[in-house]
Amino acid sequence: MDQGGVGRYTQDSTEHSASPSEVANQWPGNINLLANPGLGVHPEQYTDEITRDLPCNRTKTRNTNAGKLRTKAHIKVAALNIRGIGNPDISHPDNKWTHVNQLLREEKIGILVVGEAHLNPRRLDEISRITDSRMKIFYTMREDTSNAAGIAVVLNKNRTNTRGVLVHEIVAGHAIQLETNWHDQERLTLLAVYAPNCSIAANAEFWSKIQDWYARNPNRPRPDIMLGDCNVVEEAIDRLPMPLTDTANTAVDSLDELKAELQLMDGWRATYPQSRAFTFTQKRNGGIAHQSRLDRIYVKSQIFDHTFEWDIKTTGIKTDHRMVSVQFTCEEAPTVGHGRWSWPTHLMHDKELTKFIHEEGLLLQTKIENAQSARLLENTIQVDNPQSLWAEFKQRITAFARKRAKIVVPRLQQKITDLERKMELVENTTGISEDERTAQMSPLSEELTELICRRHRATRATVKARNMLEGETISKYWS
């Protein structure tokens, strides 16, 4: 350090007790050097040392955990086929990648596999320029074009580590493997797939290519989770209308061989062995929509016990697929309860709840004043003390708020909940024909998609309005 400019800077500033501004004026060349990484010196290598040696900062200790993301011991993994990027202009409201950013935030997703991503280097740069604060994207594209197929893995920077990620392209535009330390030293290997849908033979060949890749790379870790759009169903129950017999084909056989080789199992089917739910809707002649469970999540049998909340749900992104998701936790994760109940935000505007709190508050104030005026002798236990009265007051308004929360529900959310219940009932009701089930499911599915898209658009409008009001103000939102 004695031979370098930075060493002279810290030494002289200590001997003469110069202020930081005086030192900066004396050594402008060093300040420029620190501020310009292009000169070959990384600014972080010297900034900490200079700050530590200044007289006014001698007592400060360096925080070794600064900048390290504190992740939770569980993570939500999901997959969604977005069916292309929509409008190629990233600033256009119909560009789907800005909606993916919103989806990560609203659904609290840690890792999202995006099918039919249609990414290339230019598009990735445009997306990163807008969403770099939340999304870290890894992708693979077809060799001939980026306007077809393509698959991407999106890491939510707010919920999982993004450093030290290893990515391997297995099949260009269709399969990619990602290894990440999602929590502390917990390593997760994820295989993202988008299987070809042009023919059964191409689909079967795709699964064989993945199996061959692992055979050629025995030192690469096998995936803990495989997820994405498989473009093939394994059982008749996963189709609507359901065929009378299972239609086995070479694609299913090839997928079975890969699952056996990698020791993977269909987690949703293992959790709900007799239930029916679908992820893909295809309209046929006459407007009747046929549905199937093409999007699936496979996990190793060893970690299946550490998964929970297997779900299939409609999103606000314009696509003919639904999102599949699961929560994954590490073995050392502690047992966590249901947490602390909190009021839904829409209850803050409920007049009956506000009136109840006002009346109970006046009653509480009267009780406290009476207790103070009738205070007992010193060293005597006072039954109606202010702390006990305050605790009882909070218990009463919490109980009333719970009751109101079951009654007062936003109208749009109530419609969505009712439709989801109707769809689940139709999907799993016995005693009706498959044609009748298909006819009933088609309008319900369309209406549910429209309502969720409406809620999605309303959320975007609210966020946009708040950004216009507070985006450039010094506030919690701005920071």
Protein backbone atom coordinates (compact mmCIF):
# COMPACT_ATOMS: atom_id res chain seq x y z
CA MET A 1 0.00 0.00 0.00
CA ASP A 2 2.95 2.40 0.58
CA GLN A 3 3.77 2.52 -3.14
CA GLY A 4 0.22 3.20 -4.36
CA GLY A 5 -1.64 6.48 -4.58
CA VAL A 6 -4.38 5.23 -2.31
CA GLY A 7 -1.88 4.33 0.38
CA ARG A 8 -0.39 7.83 0.34
CA TYR A 9 -3.89 9.26 0.51
CA THR A 10 -4.83 7.39 3.70
CA GLN A 11 -1.45 7.94 5.32
CA ASP A 12 -1.36 11.71 4.74
CA SER A 13 -4.94 12.24 5.77
CA THR A 14 -4.29 10.48 9.09
CA GLU A 15 -1.11 12.39 9.93
CA HIS A 16 -2.53 15.89 9.29
CA SER A 17 -6.10 15.12 10.48
CA ALA A 18 -7.44 16.58 7.26
CA SER A 19 -11.15 16.56 6.54
CA PRO A 20 -12.47 14.28 3.79
CA SER A 21 -13.18 17.28 1.55
CA GLU A 22 -9.63 18.60 1.97
CA VAL A 23 -8.19 15.22 1.16
CA ALA A 24 -10.37 14.98 -1.92
CA ASN A 25 -9.09 18.34 -3.13
CA GLN A 26 -5.47 17.29 -2.55
CA TRP A 27 -5.80 13.99 -4.39
CA PRO A 28 -8.22 14.46 -7.29
CA GLY A 29 -6.42 11.84 -9.35
CA ASN A 30 -7.10 9.11 -6.81
CA ILE A 31 -10.76 10.06 -6.50
CA ASN A 32 -11.15 9.82 -10.28
CA LEU A 33 -9.39 6.48 -10.22
CA LEU A 34 -11.80 5.14 -7.62
CA ALA A 35 -14.83 6.40 -9.50
CA ASN A 36 -13.76 4.92 -12.83
CA PRO A 37 -13.71 1.09 -12.84
CA GLY A 38 -12.68 1.22 -16.48
CA LEU A 39 -9.18 2.22 -15.41
CA GLY A 40 -8.64 -1.28 -14.08
CA VAL A 41 -9.30 -0.67 -10.39
CA HIS A 42 -12.51 -1.88 -8.83
CA PRO A 43 -13.92 0.93 -6.67
CA GLU A 44 -15.04 -1.38 -3.86
CA GLN A 45 -11.47 -2.56 -3.29
CA TYR A 46 -10.41 0.85 -1.97
CA THR A 47 -13.49 2.71 -0.86
CA ASP A 48 -13.90 0.58 2.28
CA GLU A 49 -10.22 0.97 3.16
CA ILE A 50 -10.28 4.75 2.77
CA THR A 51 -13.43 5.09 4.87
CA ARG A 52 -11.99 2.88 7.58
CA ASP A 53 -8.74 4.91 7.83
CA LEU A 54 -10.33 8.36 8.02
CA PRO A 55 -10.08 9.84 11.56
CA CYS A 56 -13.84 10.41 11.89
CA ASN A 57 -14.62 6.75 11.11
CA ARG A 58 -12.02 4.85 13.10
CA THR A 59 -14.51 3.33 15.53
CA LYS A 60 -16.75 1.84 12.83
CA THR A 61 -16.56 -1.87 12.04
CA ARG A 62 -17.31 -3.35 8.67
CA ASN A 63 -20.56 -5.27 8.30
CA THR A 64 -19.67 -8.52 6.56
CA ASN A 65 -23.36 -9.27 5.85
CA ALA A 66 -23.99 -5.99 4.03
CA GLY A 67 -25.73 -6.55 0.71
CA LYS A 68 -26.49 -10.21 1.45
CA LEU A 69 -30.07 -11.24 0.77
CA ARG A 70 -31.81 -12.83 3.74
CA THR A 71 -33.86 -15.60 2.18
CA LYS A 72 -36.58 -17.68 3.79
CA ALA A 73 -36.34 -21.42 4.34
CA HIS A 74 -39.03 -22.07 1.73
CA ILE A 75 -39.47 -21.00 -1.86
CA LYS A 76 -42.31 -21.00 -4.37
CA VAL A 77 -41.49 -22.58 -7.72
CA ALA A 78 -43.88 -22.15 -10.65
CA ALA A 79 -44.21 -22.67 -14.40
CA LEU A 80 -46.31 -20.82 -16.96
CA ASN A 81 -46.48 -20.89 -20.75
CA ILE A 82 -47.03 -17.24 -21.72
CA ARG A 83 -47.49 -18.02 -25.45
CA GLY A 84 -45.04 -15.45 -26.77
CA ILE A 85 -44.02 -11.97 -25.67
CA GLY A 86 -47.08 -10.14 -26.97
CA ASN A 87 -46.18 -6.68 -28.24
CA PRO A 88 -42.40 -6.55 -28.84
CA ASP A 89 -42.19 -3.00 -27.46
CA ILE A 90 -41.23 -3.36 -23.78
CA SER A 91 -43.04 -0.11 -22.91
CA HIS A 92 -46.31 -1.26 -24.50
CA PRO A 93 -49.00 -2.44 -22.03
CA ASP A 94 -49.44 -5.66 -24.03
CA ASN A 95 -45.82 -6.73 -23.60
CA LYS A 96 -46.10 -9.86 -21.47
CA TRP A 97 -42.73 -9.64 -19.74
CA THR A 98 -43.79 -6.60 -17.72
CA HIS A 99 -46.77 -8.69 -16.63
CA VAL A 100 -44.39 -11.48 -15.63
CA ASN A 101 -42.68 -8.99 -13.34
CA GLN A 102 -46.04 -8.19 -11.75
CA LEU A 103 -46.83 -11.89 -11.41
CA LEU A 104 -43.63 -12.51 -9.44
CA ARG A 105 -44.52 -9.73 -7.04
CA GLU A 106 -48.19 -10.60 -6.51
CA GLU A 107 -47.78 -14.38 -6.22
CA LYS A 108 -44.50 -14.18 -4.23
CA ILE A 109 -42.76 -16.54 -6.65
CA GLY A 110 -39.08 -17.27 -6.12
CA ILE A 111 -38.36 -19.18 -9.36
CA LEU A 112 -40.58 -19.06 -12.45
CA VAL A 113 -40.17 -21.16 -15.58
CA VAL A 114 -41.55 -19.34 -18.62
CA GLY A 115 -42.52 -21.36 -21.68
CA GLU A 116 -42.62 -19.89 -25.20
CA ALA A 117 -40.47 -17.04 -23.89
CA HIS A 118 -39.36 -15.86 -27.37
CA LEU A 119 -36.22 -14.21 -25.98
CA ASN A 120 -33.03 -13.14 -27.71
CA PRO A 121 -30.11 -10.96 -26.53
CA ARG A 122 -31.73 -7.69 -27.63
CA ARG A 123 -35.06 -8.45 -25.99
CA LEU A 124 -33.33 -9.59 -22.82
CA ASP A 125 -31.45 -6.27 -22.62
CA GLU A 126 -34.69 -4.33 -23.01
CA ILE A 127 -36.45 -6.38 -20.34
CA SER A 128 -33.52 -6.14 -17.93
CA ARG A 129 -33.43 -2.37 -18.33
CA ILE A 130 -36.98 -2.18 -16.95
CA THR A 131 -37.14 -5.08 -14.49
CA ASP A 132 -33.54 -5.56 -13.36
CA SER A 133 -34.39 -4.69 -9.75
CA ARG A 134 -36.51 -7.84 -9.41
CA MET A 135 -35.80 -10.33 -12.22
CA LYS A 136 -32.69 -12.29 -13.15
CA ILE A 137 -33.38 -14.14 -16.40
CA PHE A 138 -31.64 -17.15 -17.93
CA TYR A 139 -32.93 -18.46 -21.25
CA THR A 140 -32.35 -20.63 -24.28
CA MET A 141 -33.61 -19.98 -27.80
CA ARG A 142 -33.94 -22.04 -30.93
CA GLU A 143 -31.01 -21.90 -33.29
CA ASP A 144 -33.11 -20.85 -36.29
CA THR A 145 -35.44 -18.26 -34.71
CA SER A 146 -36.37 -16.60 -31.45
CA ASN A 147 -40.01 -16.11 -32.44
CA ALA A 148 -40.93 -19.71 -31.66
CA ALA A 149 -40.48 -21.96 -28.63
CA GLY A 150 -37.80 -20.75 -26.23
CA ILE A 151 -37.75 -21.24 -22.48
CA ALA A 152 -36.56 -19.02 -19.65
CA VAL A 153 -35.94 -19.36 -15.92
CA VAL A 154 -36.66 -16.20 -13.94
CA LEU A 155 -35.20 -15.71 -10.46
CA ASN A 156 -36.88 -13.24 -8.13
CA LYS A 157 -34.03 -11.20 -6.66
CA ASN A 158 -36.20 -10.27 -3.67
CA ARG A 159 -36.79 -13.90 -2.68
CA THR A 160 -33.85 -16.05 -3.73
CA ASN A 161 -30.11 -15.80 -4.19
CA THR A 162 -28.96 -15.05 -7.72
CA ARG A 163 -25.21 -15.41 -7.23
CA GLY A 164 -23.29 -18.52 -8.19
CA VAL A 165 -25.96 -19.78 -10.59
CA LEU A 166 -24.87 -22.47 -13.07
CA VAL A 167 -26.84 -22.90 -16.29
CA HIS A 168 -26.59 -25.72 -18.85
CA GLU A 169 -28.41 -25.72 -22.18
CA ILE A 170 -29.63 -29.25 -22.87
CA VAL A 171 -31.87 -28.80 -25.91
CA ALA A 172 -31.70 -25.41 -27.62
CA GLY A 173 -34.97 -23.55 -27.16
CA HIS A 174 -36.60 -26.39 -25.25
CA ALA A 175 -34.66 -27.51 -22.16
CA ILE A 176 -32.32 -25.79 -19.73
CA GLN A 177 -30.90 -26.86 -16.37
CA LEU A 178 -30.19 -24.38 -13.58
CA GLU A 179 -28.30 -24.90 -10.33
CA THR A 180 -28.65 -22.33 -7.56
CA ASN A 181 -28.07 -21.84 -3.83
CA TRP A 182 -31.61 -20.69 -3.19
CA HIS A 183 -31.19 -20.43 0.59
CA ASP A 184 -27.87 -20.29 2.48
CA GLN A 185 -26.05 -23.48 1.45
CA GLU A 186 -29.18 -25.25 0.15
CA ARG A 187 -28.53 -26.28 -3.46
CA LEU A 188 -31.41 -26.76 -5.88
CA THR A 189 -31.11 -28.21 -9.38
CA LEU A 190 -34.01 -27.40 -11.66
CA LEU A 191 -34.77 -28.71 -15.16
CA ALA A 192 -37.04 -26.40 -17.18
CA VAL A 193 -38.71 -27.92 -20.24
CA TYR A 194 -40.91 -26.89 -23.14
CA ALA A 195 -41.59 -30.04 -25.15
CA PRO A 196 -42.29 -29.84 -28.90
CA ASN A 197 -45.94 -30.07 -29.90
CA CYS A 198 -45.53 -30.56 -33.65
CA SER A 199 -45.81 -34.37 -33.51
CA ILE A 200 -45.72 -37.34 -31.15
CA ALA A 201 -42.42 -38.46 -32.66
CA ALA A 202 -40.78 -35.07 -32.02
CA ASN A 203 -42.06 -35.08 -28.46
CA ALA A 204 -40.68 -38.57 -27.85
CA GLU A 205 -37.33 -37.61 -29.37
CA PHE A 206 -37.15 -34.59 -27.06
CA TRP A 207 -37.31 -36.70 -23.89
CA SER A 208 -34.73 -39.07 -25.34
CA LYS A 209 -32.36 -36.15 -26.01
CA ILE A 210 -32.55 -35.11 -22.37
CA GLN A 211 -31.82 -38.65 -21.23
CA ASP A 212 -28.86 -38.85 -23.62
CA TRP A 213 -27.47 -35.55 -22.30
CA TYR A 214 -27.37 -36.87 -18.76
CA ALA A 215 -25.76 -40.07 -20.00
CA ARG A 216 -23.01 -38.03 -21.71
CA ASN A 217 -22.57 -35.82 -18.63
CA PRO A 218 -22.50 -38.19 -15.65
CA ASN A 219 -20.83 -35.58 -13.43
CA ARG A 220 -23.67 -33.10 -13.78
CA PRO A 221 -26.20 -33.21 -10.94
CA ARG A 222 -29.59 -34.70 -11.68
CA PRO A 223 -32.54 -32.34 -11.26
CA ASP A 224 -34.46 -32.12 -8.00
CA ILE A 225 -37.38 -30.58 -9.88
CA MET A 226 -38.47 -30.83 -13.52
CA LEU A 227 -41.27 -28.52 -14.63
CA GLY A 228 -42.80 -26.86 -17.64
CA ASP A 229 -45.10 -27.53 -20.58
CA CYS A 230 -44.77 -31.22 -21.43
CA ASN A 231 -47.26 -31.10 -24.34
CA VAL A 232 -48.35 -34.64 -23.54
CA VAL A 233 -50.55 -36.20 -20.86
CA GLU A 234 -49.80 -39.48 -19.16
CA GLU A 235 -53.28 -40.49 -17.99
CA ALA A 236 -56.78 -40.29 -19.40
CA ILE A 237 -58.01 -38.46 -16.28
CA ASP A 238 -55.88 -35.49 -17.33
CA ARG A 239 -58.03 -34.82 -20.40
CA LEU A 240 -61.45 -33.24 -20.82
CA PRO A 241 -63.37 -34.94 -22.28
CA MET A 242 -61.70 -38.01 -20.85
CA PRO A 243 -61.10 -40.82 -23.37
CA LEU A 244 -62.50 -44.22 -22.50
CA THR A 245 -59.06 -45.81 -22.45
CA ASP A 246 -55.52 -44.54 -21.94
CA THR A 247 -53.93 -43.73 -25.27
CA ALA A 248 -50.36 -44.88 -24.80
CA ASN A 249 -47.85 -43.62 -27.34
CA THR A 250 -44.12 -43.34 -27.85
CA ALA A 251 -43.99 -39.87 -26.27
CA VAL A 252 -45.46 -41.14 -23.00
CA ASP A 253 -43.10 -44.11 -23.01
CA SER A 254 -40.09 -41.86 -23.60
CA LEU A 255 -41.17 -39.54 -20.78
CA ASP A 256 -41.62 -42.51 -18.46
CA GLU A 257 -38.09 -43.68 -19.19
CA LEU A 258 -36.69 -40.25 -18.35
CA LYS A 259 -38.70 -40.09 -15.13
CA ALA A 260 -37.43 -43.50 -14.10
CA GLU A 261 -33.84 -42.52 -14.91
CA LEU A 262 -34.05 -39.28 -12.92
CA GLN A 263 -36.28 -40.77 -10.18
CA LEU A 264 -39.00 -38.16 -10.62
CA MET A 265 -42.69 -38.27 -9.72
CA ASP A 266 -45.73 -36.15 -10.57
CA GLY A 267 -46.21 -34.28 -7.31
CA TRP A 268 -49.66 -32.84 -8.02
CA ARG A 269 -51.08 -36.21 -9.03
CA ALA A 270 -49.53 -37.85 -5.95
CA THR A 271 -51.14 -35.18 -3.76
CA TYR A 272 -54.55 -35.35 -5.48
CA PRO A 273 -54.77 -38.90 -6.89
CA GLN A 274 -58.47 -38.71 -7.84
CA SER A 275 -58.93 -35.00 -8.55
CA ARG A 276 -59.15 -33.36 -11.94
CA ALA A 277 -57.72 -29.97 -12.91
CA PHE A 278 -56.45 -28.68 -16.23
CA THR A 279 -53.78 -26.23 -17.36
CA PHE A 280 -54.42 -25.87 -21.10
CA THR A 281 -57.57 -24.89 -22.98
CA GLN A 282 -58.04 -25.40 -26.71
CA LYS A 283 -61.17 -24.31 -28.51
CA ARG A 284 -62.57 -26.68 -31.10
CA ASN A 285 -65.27 -26.25 -33.73
CA GLY A 286 -68.53 -25.12 -32.21
CA GLY A 287 -66.85 -23.14 -29.42
CA ILE A 288 -66.51 -26.12 -27.07
CA ALA A 289 -63.12 -26.01 -25.34
CA HIS A 290 -61.13 -29.18 -24.75
CA GLN A 291 -58.80 -29.09 -21.77
CA SER A 292 -55.79 -31.05 -20.56
CA ARG A 293 -53.11 -30.97 -17.85
CA LEU A 294 -50.06 -30.37 -20.03
CA ASP A 295 -48.10 -28.27 -17.53
CA ARG A 296 -46.69 -30.31 -14.68
CA ILE A 297 -44.09 -30.29 -11.91
CA TYR A 298 -42.05 -33.42 -11.21
CA VAL A 299 -39.95 -33.79 -8.08
CA LYS A 300 -37.60 -36.39 -6.71
CA SER A 301 -39.33 -38.85 -4.45
CA GLN A 302 -36.81 -38.04 -1.69
CA ILE A 303 -37.89 -34.39 -1.50
CA PHE A 304 -41.62 -34.87 -2.08
CA ASP A 305 -42.20 -34.79 1.69
CA HIS A 306 -40.68 -31.29 1.75
CA THR A 307 -43.21 -29.84 -0.71
CA PHE A 308 -46.61 -28.31 -0.01
CA GLU A 309 -49.31 -26.10 -1.56
CA TRP A 310 -49.47 -27.78 -4.96
CA ASP A 311 -51.64 -25.45 -7.01
CA ILE A 312 -53.04 -24.78 -10.48
CA LYS A 313 -54.42 -21.29 -11.04
CA THR A 314 -55.36 -18.81 -13.73
CA THR A 315 -53.19 -15.69 -14.09
CA GLY A 316 -53.82 -12.23 -15.51
CA ILE A 317 -51.44 -12.81 -18.43
CA LYS A 318 -53.10 -13.38 -21.81
CA THR A 319 -52.40 -17.02 -22.54
CA ASP A 320 -54.24 -20.29 -23.00
CA HIS A 321 -52.31 -21.93 -20.14
CA ARG A 322 -52.74 -21.84 -16.37
CA MET A 323 -49.86 -21.62 -13.93
CA VAL A 324 -48.68 -24.60 -11.87
CA SER A 325 -46.81 -24.00 -8.63
CA VAL A 326 -45.50 -25.64 -5.47
CA GLN A 327 -43.80 -24.56 -2.27
CA PHE A 328 -40.46 -26.21 -1.52
CA THR A 329 -38.70 -26.17 1.84
CA CYS A 330 -35.34 -27.38 3.10
CA GLU A 331 -34.91 -30.27 5.51
CA GLU A 332 -33.57 -28.07 8.32
CA ALA A 333 -36.48 -25.63 8.16
CA PRO A 334 -38.16 -25.15 11.56
CA THR A 335 -41.83 -25.85 12.09
CA VAL A 336 -43.73 -22.61 11.52
CA GLY A 337 -47.28 -21.93 12.63
CA HIS A 338 -50.03 -20.07 10.81
CA GLY A 339 -48.57 -16.68 11.74
CA ARG A 340 -50.27 -13.55 13.03
CA TRP A 341 -53.66 -12.72 11.58
CA SER A 342 -53.97 -9.28 10.01
CA TRP A 343 -56.91 -7.35 8.66
CA PRO A 344 -57.57 -7.42 4.93
CA THR A 345 -56.92 -3.95 3.56
CA HIS A 346 -60.47 -3.51 2.27
CA LEU A 347 -61.78 -3.66 5.86
CA MET A 348 -60.22 -0.26 6.54
CA HIS A 349 -63.16 1.29 4.67
CA ASP A 350 -65.90 -0.81 6.29
CA LYS A 351 -68.35 1.53 8.03
CA GLU A 352 -69.69 -1.06 10.47
CA LEU A 353 -66.21 -1.97 11.67
CA THR A 354 -65.28 1.71 12.02
CA LYS A 355 -68.46 2.37 14.02
CA PHE A 356 -67.78 -0.63 16.28
CA ILE A 357 -64.20 0.50 16.97
CA HIS A 358 -65.40 4.04 17.74
CA GLU A 359 -68.03 2.86 20.22
CA GLU A 360 -65.69 0.38 21.88
CA GLY A 361 -63.00 3.06 22.09
CA LEU A 362 -65.32 5.46 23.91
CA LEU A 363 -66.31 2.67 26.29
CA LEU A 364 -62.65 1.84 26.90
CA GLN A 365 -61.87 5.48 27.63
CA THR A 366 -64.69 5.66 30.16
CA LYS A 367 -63.55 2.47 31.90
CA ILE A 368 -59.96 3.71 32.17
CA GLU A 369 -61.09 7.06 33.61
CA ASN A 370 -63.33 5.31 36.16
CA ALA A 371 -60.53 2.93 37.12
CA GLN A 372 -58.14 5.82 37.68
CA SER A 373 -60.63 7.79 39.79
CA ALA A 374 -61.43 4.74 41.92
CA ARG A 375 -57.84 3.65 42.32
CA LEU A 376 -57.32 1.25 45.20
CA LEU A 377 -54.81 1.61 47.98
CA GLU A 378 -51.13 1.31 47.17
CA ASN A 379 -49.68 -2.24 46.88
CA THR A 380 -53.16 -3.63 46.20
CA ILE A 381 -53.83 -5.54 43.00
CA GLN A 382 -56.12 -3.55 40.73
CA VAL A 383 -58.35 -5.78 38.63
CA ASP A 384 -59.45 -3.22 36.01
CA ASN A 385 -56.03 -1.82 35.22
CA PRO A 386 -55.50 0.04 31.91
CA GLN A 387 -53.32 -2.73 30.44
CA SER A 388 -55.99 -5.39 30.93
CA LEU A 389 -58.71 -3.11 29.58
CA TRP A 390 -56.59 -2.31 26.52
CA ALA A 391 -55.91 -6.01 25.83
CA GLU A 392 -59.62 -6.85 26.09
CA PHE A 393 -60.45 -3.98 23.74
CA LYS A 394 -58.07 -5.30 21.08
CA GLN A 395 -59.46 -8.82 21.44
CA ARG A 396 -63.03 -7.59 20.91
CA ILE A 397 -62.29 -5.56 17.79
CA THR A 398 -60.16 -8.38 16.36
CA ALA A 399 -63.00 -10.86 16.83
CA PHE A 400 -65.45 -8.45 15.19
CA ALA A 401 -63.03 -7.80 12.31
CA ARG A 402 -62.73 -11.55 11.67
CA LYS A 403 -66.50 -11.79 11.36
CA ARG A 404 -66.66 -8.83 9.00
CA ALA A 405 -63.82 -10.23 6.89
CA LYS A 406 -65.99 -13.24 6.07
CA ILE A 407 -68.87 -10.98 5.04
CA VAL A 408 -67.24 -7.96 3.43
CA VAL A 409 -65.33 -9.22 0.41
CA PRO A 410 -64.51 -7.17 -2.69
CA ARG A 411 -67.17 -7.89 -5.29
CA LEU A 412 -64.67 -8.91 -7.98
CA GLN A 413 -62.79 -11.24 -5.65
CA GLN A 414 -66.06 -12.82 -4.52
CA LYS A 415 -67.00 -13.56 -8.14
CA ILE A 416 -63.60 -15.13 -8.78
CA THR A 417 -63.87 -17.30 -5.67
CA ASP A 418 -67.37 -18.46 -6.61
CA LEU A 419 -66.28 -19.34 -10.16
CA GLU A 420 -63.28 -21.32 -8.92
CA ARG A 421 -65.55 -23.33 -6.64
CA LYS A 422 -67.99 -24.00 -9.48
CA MET A 423 -65.18 -25.14 -11.76
CA GLU A 424 -63.78 -27.49 -9.13
CA LEU A 425 -67.25 -28.90 -8.55
CA VAL A 426 -67.87 -29.51 -12.26
CA GLU A 427 -64.40 -31.01 -12.77
CA ASN A 428 -64.81 -33.61 -10.05
CA THR A 429 -68.56 -34.28 -9.97
CA THR A 430 -69.56 -37.82 -10.87
CA GLY A 431 -72.77 -38.78 -12.58
CA ILE A 432 -72.54 -36.48 -15.60
CA SER A 433 -71.25 -37.31 -19.06
CA GLU A 434 -67.94 -36.00 -20.34
CA ASP A 435 -69.68 -34.03 -23.09
CA GLU A 436 -71.89 -32.30 -20.52
CA ARG A 437 -68.90 -31.64 -18.29
CA THR A 438 -67.00 -30.12 -21.21
CA ALA A 439 -69.95 -27.92 -22.17
CA GLN A 440 -70.26 -26.60 -18.60
CA MET A 441 -66.54 -26.00 -18.13
CA SER A 442 -66.05 -23.94 -21.28
CA PRO A 443 -68.04 -20.80 -20.28
CA LEU A 444 -66.85 -21.00 -16.66
CA SER A 445 -63.23 -21.06 -17.75
CA GLU A 446 -63.67 -18.10 -20.09
CA GLU A 447 -65.47 -16.03 -17.47
CA LEU A 448 -62.84 -16.80 -14.83
CA THR A 449 -60.03 -15.77 -17.17
CA GLU A 450 -61.78 -12.49 -17.96
CA LEU A 451 -62.33 -11.63 -14.28
CA ILE A 452 -58.74 -12.39 -13.30
CA CYS A 453 -57.45 -10.31 -16.22
CA ARG A 454 -59.69 -7.46 -15.07
CA ARG A 455 -58.26 -7.67 -11.55
CA HIS A 456 -54.76 -7.84 -13.01
CA ARG A 457 -55.35 -4.67 -15.05
CA ALA A 458 -56.81 -2.85 -12.05
CA THR A 459 -53.71 -3.65 -10.02
CA ARG A 460 -51.47 -2.33 -12.79
CA ALA A 461 -53.49 0.88 -12.97
CA THR A 462 -53.19 1.38 -9.21
CA VAL A 463 -49.44 0.80 -9.26
CA LYS A 464 -49.03 3.17 -12.20
CA ALA A 465 -51.03 5.91 -10.47
CA ARG A 466 -49.04 5.57 -7.26
CA ASN A 467 -45.79 5.68 -9.19
CA MET A 468 -46.85 8.93 -10.86
CA LEU A 469 -47.73 10.46 -7.48
CA GLU A 470 -44.85 9.20 -5.32
CA GLY A 471 -42.24 7.92 -7.75
CA GLU A 472 -40.11 11.07 -7.56
CA THR A 473 -40.78 11.98 -3.93
CA ILE A 474 -38.54 11.24 -0.97
CA SER A 475 -40.70 8.61 0.69
CA LYS A 476 -40.82 4.94 1.56
CA TYR A 477 -42.14 4.17 -1.93
CA TRP A 478 -39.25 5.99 -3.61
CA SER A 479 -36.60 4.30 -1.47
